[in-house]
């Protein structure tokens, strides 16, 4: 026995298909005036002042989530004893911490790369690149449940150093 489809679903489907059809025809190559769509778009290079401004913003945008993820999923659960053998929710805490460690390492590396665009910020972050590089294997260690107090302390120390370096250069990083 066939089921009836509610009118609301039919209306939504009709509206979505019309929107896709209109969008596809509006984005067609070449208009009625004989110009090609690819020839009208020309990117303009950014000036060095804009690059410096964006470097600080990108540094903060990368370092902030890294600091937040490290604190939320690594430092805080470690202090609560979630990584100890026999703790409730240990497996999920270790998996989350491993993923957060990999994410934080990735974003801290990107933040260090972005800091090179600003002279003051690059001088502040340059000494920290070795500390960031030392975190590379820590995510795996956390994921396997082999991380200790020294490892988590090192992670927290690098995060705090990056935050302090950003603050000293005028790019305050918040979790």
Protein backbone atom coordinates (compact mmCIF):
# COMPACT_ATOMS: atom_id res chain seq x y z
CA UNK A 1 0.00 0.00 0.00
CA UNK A 2 1.61 3.31 -1.05
CA UNK A 3 2.10 5.96 1.62
CA UNK A 4 1.11 9.53 1.06
CA UNK A 5 3.87 12.11 1.24
CA UNK A 6 3.12 15.15 3.39
CA UNK A 7 2.58 18.39 1.52
CA UNK A 8 5.32 20.13 3.47
CA UNK A 9 7.96 17.66 2.21
CA UNK A 10 6.83 18.09 -1.36
CA UNK A 11 6.96 21.87 -1.03
CA UNK A 12 10.46 21.81 0.47
CA UNK A 13 11.70 19.45 -2.23
CA UNK A 14 10.22 21.65 -4.93
CA UNK A 15 11.77 24.80 -3.48
CA UNK A 16 15.20 23.18 -3.12
CA UNK A 17 15.18 21.84 -6.66
CA UNK A 18 14.17 25.27 -7.99
CA UNK A 19 16.97 26.90 -6.00
CA UNK A 20 19.50 24.44 -7.42
CA UNK A 21 18.21 24.97 -10.94
CA UNK A 22 18.34 28.76 -10.65
CA UNK A 23 21.80 28.62 -9.09
CA UNK A 24 23.13 26.35 -11.80
CA UNK A 25 21.82 28.52 -14.63
CA UNK A 26 23.07 31.72 -13.00
CA UNK A 27 26.58 30.29 -12.66
CA UNK A 28 26.87 29.26 -16.29
CA UNK A 29 30.06 30.17 -18.14
CA UNK A 30 29.80 33.30 -20.20
CA UNK A 31 26.91 35.68 -20.07
CA UNK A 32 24.77 37.06 -22.82
CA UNK A 33 27.27 39.90 -23.33
CA UNK A 34 30.02 37.67 -24.79
CA UNK A 35 32.40 37.86 -21.80
CA UNK A 36 33.90 34.79 -20.25
CA UNK A 37 33.42 34.38 -16.50
CA UNK A 38 37.06 33.41 -15.94
CA UNK A 39 38.41 36.54 -17.62
CA UNK A 40 36.57 38.96 -15.32
CA UNK A 41 38.12 37.71 -12.06
CA UNK A 42 41.62 38.96 -11.30
CA UNK A 43 43.09 38.47 -7.84
CA UNK A 44 44.99 41.37 -6.36
CA UNK A 45 48.08 40.79 -4.24
CA UNK A 46 48.02 41.88 -0.65
CA UNK A 47 50.38 44.54 0.58
CA UNK A 48 52.94 43.81 3.26
CA UNK A 49 50.87 45.74 5.81
CA UNK A 50 47.83 43.58 5.04
CA UNK A 51 49.94 40.45 5.23
CA UNK A 52 51.20 41.48 8.68
CA UNK A 53 47.67 42.24 9.83
CA UNK A 54 46.42 38.91 8.56
CA UNK A 55 49.41 37.11 10.07
CA UNK A 56 48.38 38.14 13.59
CA UNK A 57 44.74 37.28 12.95
CA UNK A 58 45.62 33.90 11.48
CA UNK A 59 48.03 33.22 14.35
CA UNK A 60 45.28 33.87 16.89
CA UNK A 61 42.76 31.87 14.84
CA UNK A 62 45.10 28.86 14.84
CA UNK A 63 46.57 29.08 18.34
CA UNK A 64 43.24 29.72 20.12
CA UNK A 65 41.51 26.45 19.17
CA UNK A 66 44.75 24.55 19.82
CA UNK A 67 44.96 25.97 23.34
CA UNK A 68 41.29 25.31 23.97
CA UNK A 69 41.43 21.73 22.73
CA UNK A 70 44.56 20.97 24.73
CA UNK A 71 43.08 22.33 27.93
CA UNK A 72 39.63 20.81 27.47
CA UNK A 73 40.59 17.34 26.29
CA UNK A 74 44.12 16.80 27.67
CA UNK A 75 45.00 18.90 30.72
CA UNK A 76 41.61 18.97 32.43
CA UNK A 77 40.91 15.20 32.15
CA UNK A 78 44.48 14.41 33.23
CA UNK A 79 44.06 16.50 36.38
CA UNK A 80 40.74 14.76 37.04
CA UNK A 81 42.48 11.37 36.87
CA UNK A 82 40.67 10.15 33.74
CA UNK A 83 43.84 8.65 32.23
CA UNK A 84 44.58 6.32 35.16
CA UNK A 85 44.00 2.61 34.70
CA UNK A 86 40.55 1.58 35.91
CA UNK A 87 39.10 5.11 35.78
CA UNK A 88 35.54 5.50 34.53
CA UNK A 89 35.51 6.66 30.91
CA UNK A 90 39.26 6.14 30.50
CA UNK A 91 39.07 4.77 26.98
CA UNK A 92 37.01 7.64 25.61
CA UNK A 93 39.14 10.19 27.49
CA UNK A 94 42.33 8.73 26.03
CA UNK A 95 40.92 8.65 22.50
CA UNK A 96 39.66 12.23 22.77
CA UNK A 97 42.99 13.36 24.20
CA UNK A 98 44.89 11.68 21.36
CA UNK A 99 42.73 13.38 18.76
CA UNK A 100 42.98 16.71 20.58
CA UNK A 101 46.75 16.33 20.75
CA UNK A 102 47.01 15.74 17.01
CA UNK A 103 44.69 18.70 16.35
CA UNK A 104 46.61 20.98 18.72
CA UNK A 105 49.95 20.02 17.17
CA UNK A 106 48.59 20.72 13.68
CA UNK A 107 47.18 24.11 14.66
CA UNK A 108 50.28 25.14 16.64
CA UNK A 109 52.45 24.33 13.63
CA UNK A 110 50.15 26.44 11.44
CA UNK A 111 50.23 29.26 14.02
CA UNK A 112 54.03 29.23 14.01
CA UNK A 113 54.01 29.38 10.20
CA UNK A 114 51.55 32.28 10.27
CA UNK A 115 53.68 34.13 12.81
CA UNK A 116 56.43 34.47 10.20
CA UNK A 117 54.36 37.13 8.42
CA UNK A 118 54.71 39.61 11.29
CA UNK A 119 58.22 40.69 12.37
CA UNK A 120 57.41 41.16 16.06
CA UNK A 121 55.36 38.00 16.29
CA UNK A 122 57.97 35.92 14.46
CA UNK A 123 60.65 37.01 16.96
CA UNK A 124 58.39 36.05 19.86
CA UNK A 125 57.38 32.66 18.45
CA UNK A 126 60.74 31.62 16.93
CA UNK A 127 62.15 30.13 20.17
CA UNK A 128 59.00 28.03 20.57
CA UNK A 129 59.24 26.07 17.33
CA UNK A 130 61.44 23.41 18.96
CA UNK A 131 58.86 22.99 21.74
CA UNK A 132 56.06 22.68 19.20
CA UNK A 133 58.07 20.10 17.26
CA UNK A 134 58.58 18.09 20.45
CA UNK A 135 54.80 17.63 20.71
CA UNK A 136 54.69 15.62 17.49
CA UNK A 137 54.83 12.18 19.09
CA UNK A 138 52.88 13.17 22.18
CA UNK A 139 49.49 12.71 20.53
CA UNK A 140 50.39 9.08 19.78
CA UNK A 141 51.61 8.60 23.34
CA UNK A 142 48.36 9.98 24.71
CA UNK A 143 46.31 7.87 22.31
CA UNK A 144 48.04 4.73 23.54
CA UNK A 145 47.59 5.77 27.17
CA UNK A 146 51.34 6.05 27.79
CA UNK A 147 51.42 9.77 28.64
CA UNK A 148 52.54 10.78 32.09
CA UNK A 149 52.55 13.94 34.17
CA UNK A 150 55.71 15.20 32.45
CA UNK A 151 54.17 14.78 29.00
CA UNK A 152 50.97 16.60 29.88
CA UNK A 153 53.01 19.27 31.67
CA UNK A 154 55.16 19.75 28.57
CA UNK A 155 52.04 20.13 26.43
CA UNK A 156 50.60 22.70 28.83
CA UNK A 157 53.93 24.54 28.99
CA UNK A 158 54.20 24.86 25.21
CA UNK A 159 50.60 26.08 24.96
CA UNK A 160 51.20 28.68 27.68
CA UNK A 161 54.44 29.80 26.00
CA UNK A 162 52.66 30.28 22.69
CA UNK A 163 49.92 32.27 24.41
CA UNK A 164 52.50 34.45 26.20
CA UNK A 165 54.44 35.03 22.98
CA UNK A 166 51.28 36.10 21.20
CA UNK A 167 50.34 38.44 24.04
CA UNK A 168 53.77 40.07 24.03
CA UNK A 169 53.45 40.68 20.27
CA UNK A 170 49.97 42.17 20.49
CA UNK A 171 48.08 39.06 19.38
CA UNK A 172 46.42 37.76 22.52
CA UNK A 173 45.37 34.13 22.32
CA UNK A 174 42.36 32.96 24.30
CA UNK A 175 41.22 29.37 24.82
